[in-house]
């Protein structure tokens, strides 16, 4: 058992079964924010946050959630530096994806997550969310920004294929 890993979430399109949802993941040092798409793959919604412990426990919790829903792929936010280079956090995310790919057949793709947490924070402040509540939900809201970007790309690619 081994999942494929893709650099571009757009590559997932042909692999997805009709009605399969996607998970978006925002991997932080202390938590993993999770968002889920609808079965039409048009809207990303914050779902939950996993408090990080050890990789095995984190992966088990994540895979349990994928089993509860019809998940066709995982989209991991890739935290590139603002200049596009990859630092230690990118390496950590890639290692997580490699290790997770050994435990599941669900395809995994990366999505550039630059500024997703900043945008999530901005939106939560605009919604007058308390500082305490923002701290609780920021990661899964950021995961929804990551996933929405990938969903929008998949939809755009599907429209390009349909165009004459």
Protein backbone atom coordinates (compact mmCIF):
# COMPACT_ATOMS: atom_id res chain seq x y z
CA UNK A 1 0.00 0.00 0.00
CA UNK A 2 1.41 3.32 -1.06
CA UNK A 3 -0.23 6.54 -2.14
CA UNK A 4 0.99 8.71 -4.98
CA UNK A 5 2.23 12.17 -4.09
CA UNK A 6 1.72 15.05 -6.54
CA UNK A 7 3.38 18.46 -6.60
CA UNK A 8 0.30 20.06 -8.18
CA UNK A 9 -3.17 19.45 -6.76
CA UNK A 10 -4.46 19.92 -10.31
CA UNK A 11 -3.11 16.45 -11.13
CA UNK A 12 -5.72 14.91 -8.81
CA UNK A 13 -8.67 15.57 -11.16
CA UNK A 14 -8.51 12.39 -13.25
CA UNK A 15 -7.97 10.24 -10.15
CA UNK A 16 -11.05 11.36 -8.23
CA UNK A 17 -14.15 9.18 -8.18
CA UNK A 18 -17.47 10.99 -8.64
CA UNK A 19 -18.78 12.16 -5.28
CA UNK A 20 -15.46 11.78 -3.48
CA UNK A 21 -14.61 14.66 -1.16
CA UNK A 22 -11.15 16.06 -0.43
CA UNK A 23 -9.42 16.90 2.82
CA UNK A 24 -7.23 19.99 3.09
CA UNK A 25 -4.52 19.92 5.76
CA UNK A 26 -2.64 22.75 7.43
CA UNK A 27 0.28 21.13 9.25
CA UNK A 28 1.43 23.17 12.19
CA UNK A 29 3.97 22.37 14.87
CA UNK A 30 1.28 21.77 17.50
CA UNK A 31 -1.84 21.02 15.46
CA UNK A 32 -3.13 19.78 12.12
CA UNK A 33 -6.02 21.82 10.78
CA UNK A 34 -8.43 19.85 8.63
CA UNK A 35 -10.99 21.10 6.13
CA UNK A 36 -13.31 19.03 3.96
CA UNK A 37 -14.90 19.67 0.58
CA UNK A 38 -18.46 18.92 -0.38
CA UNK A 39 -19.01 15.94 -2.68
CA UNK A 40 -19.29 18.27 -5.68
CA UNK A 41 -15.82 19.56 -4.76
CA UNK A 42 -16.78 23.21 -4.94
CA UNK A 43 -16.70 24.46 -1.33
CA UNK A 44 -14.15 23.90 1.44
CA UNK A 45 -15.37 23.94 5.02
CA UNK A 46 -13.27 23.91 8.22
CA UNK A 47 -13.78 20.55 9.93
CA UNK A 48 -11.56 19.97 12.96
CA UNK A 49 -8.10 20.24 14.47
CA UNK A 50 -5.91 17.36 15.57
CA UNK A 51 -3.57 18.13 18.45
CA UNK A 52 -0.17 16.79 17.32
CA UNK A 53 1.58 14.15 19.39
CA UNK A 54 3.58 11.51 17.49
CA UNK A 55 3.38 10.84 13.78
CA UNK A 56 1.76 7.42 14.25
CA UNK A 57 -1.00 8.82 16.46
CA UNK A 58 -1.51 11.83 14.20
CA UNK A 59 -1.74 9.62 11.11
CA UNK A 60 -4.14 7.21 12.81
CA UNK A 61 -6.45 10.08 13.81
CA UNK A 62 -6.32 11.53 10.30
CA UNK A 63 -6.94 8.20 8.58
CA UNK A 64 -9.84 7.48 10.94
CA UNK A 65 -11.43 10.73 9.78
CA UNK A 66 -10.88 9.80 6.11
CA UNK A 67 -12.60 6.49 6.79
CA UNK A 68 -15.65 8.28 8.22
CA UNK A 69 -16.06 10.26 4.99
CA UNK A 70 -15.64 9.41 1.34
CA UNK A 71 -12.25 11.08 0.89
CA UNK A 72 -10.69 10.83 -2.57
CA UNK A 73 -7.49 12.80 -1.91
CA UNK A 74 -5.56 14.82 0.63
CA UNK A 75 -4.26 18.32 -0.12
CA UNK A 76 -1.40 19.41 2.14
CA UNK A 77 -0.47 23.04 2.45
CA UNK A 78 3.18 23.47 1.47
CA UNK A 79 4.61 26.37 3.50
CA UNK A 80 7.02 27.90 1.01
CA UNK A 81 8.98 31.01 1.90
CA UNK A 82 7.72 34.26 0.39
CA UNK A 83 10.43 34.07 -2.31
CA UNK A 84 9.19 30.58 -3.31
CA UNK A 85 12.11 28.71 -1.76
CA UNK A 86 11.61 25.78 0.58
CA UNK A 87 12.81 25.83 4.15
CA UNK A 88 12.63 23.42 7.10
CA UNK A 89 8.82 23.60 7.35
CA UNK A 90 8.48 22.48 3.71
CA UNK A 91 10.87 19.61 4.36
CA UNK A 92 8.81 18.61 7.39
CA UNK A 93 5.58 18.70 5.35
CA UNK A 94 7.15 16.61 2.59
CA UNK A 95 8.36 14.07 5.18
CA UNK A 96 4.85 13.90 6.67
CA UNK A 97 3.42 13.25 3.19
CA UNK A 98 6.00 10.52 2.45
CA UNK A 99 5.34 8.79 5.76
CA UNK A 100 1.56 9.08 5.39
CA UNK A 101 1.71 7.75 1.81
CA UNK A 102 3.05 4.46 3.21
CA UNK A 103 -0.10 4.03 5.33
CA UNK A 104 -2.83 4.75 2.78
CA UNK A 105 -3.70 4.58 -0.89
CA UNK A 106 -5.42 7.98 -0.83
CA UNK A 107 -3.48 10.26 -3.23
CA UNK A 108 -1.72 13.24 -1.67
CA UNK A 109 -1.01 16.57 -3.34
CA UNK A 110 0.64 19.79 -2.25
CA UNK A 111 -0.78 23.31 -2.46
CA UNK A 112 1.25 26.47 -1.95
CA UNK A 113 -0.08 27.84 1.33
CA UNK A 114 1.75 31.15 1.49
CA UNK A 115 -0.33 33.61 3.50
CA UNK A 116 -3.21 31.17 4.16
CA UNK A 117 -2.91 31.57 7.92
CA UNK A 118 -2.59 35.35 7.57
CA UNK A 119 -5.74 35.46 5.44
CA UNK A 120 -7.60 33.14 7.85
CA UNK A 121 -6.62 35.38 10.76
CA UNK A 122 -7.75 38.48 8.87
CA UNK A 123 -11.13 36.90 8.13
CA UNK A 124 -11.64 35.78 11.73
CA UNK A 125 -10.78 39.26 13.03
CA UNK A 126 -13.24 40.79 10.53
CA UNK A 127 -15.88 38.38 11.88
CA UNK A 128 -15.13 39.73 15.39
CA UNK A 129 -13.91 36.33 16.62
CA UNK A 130 -12.32 36.49 20.07
CA UNK A 131 -8.58 35.96 20.37
CA UNK A 132 -9.16 32.74 22.32
CA UNK A 133 -11.59 31.35 19.72
CA UNK A 134 -9.23 32.35 16.86
CA UNK A 135 -6.45 30.33 18.49
CA UNK A 136 -8.77 27.30 18.62
CA UNK A 137 -9.89 27.40 14.98
CA UNK A 138 -7.16 29.19 13.01
CA UNK A 139 -5.59 25.97 11.70
CA UNK A 140 -8.74 24.43 10.29
CA UNK A 141 -9.80 27.78 8.81
CA UNK A 142 -6.35 28.02 7.17
CA UNK A 143 -6.85 24.44 5.93
CA UNK A 144 -10.09 25.56 4.28
CA UNK A 145 -8.19 28.35 2.43
CA UNK A 146 -5.65 25.77 1.25
CA UNK A 147 -8.34 23.35 0.12
CA UNK A 148 -10.43 26.06 -1.55
CA UNK A 149 -7.44 27.05 -3.66
CA UNK A 150 -7.00 23.46 -4.81
CA UNK A 151 -10.74 23.07 -5.50
CA UNK A 152 -10.76 26.25 -7.57
CA UNK A 153 -7.79 24.96 -9.58
CA UNK A 154 -9.48 21.60 -10.20
CA UNK A 155 -12.66 23.36 -11.34
CA UNK A 156 -10.70 25.65 -13.66
CA UNK A 157 -8.86 22.69 -15.20
CA UNK A 158 -12.15 20.82 -15.72
CA UNK A 159 -13.61 23.86 -17.51
CA UNK A 160 -10.53 24.03 -19.77
CA UNK A 161 -11.00 20.40 -20.77
CA UNK A 162 -14.67 21.04 -21.61
CA UNK A 163 -13.98 24.15 -23.69
CA UNK A 164 -13.96 23.62 -27.49
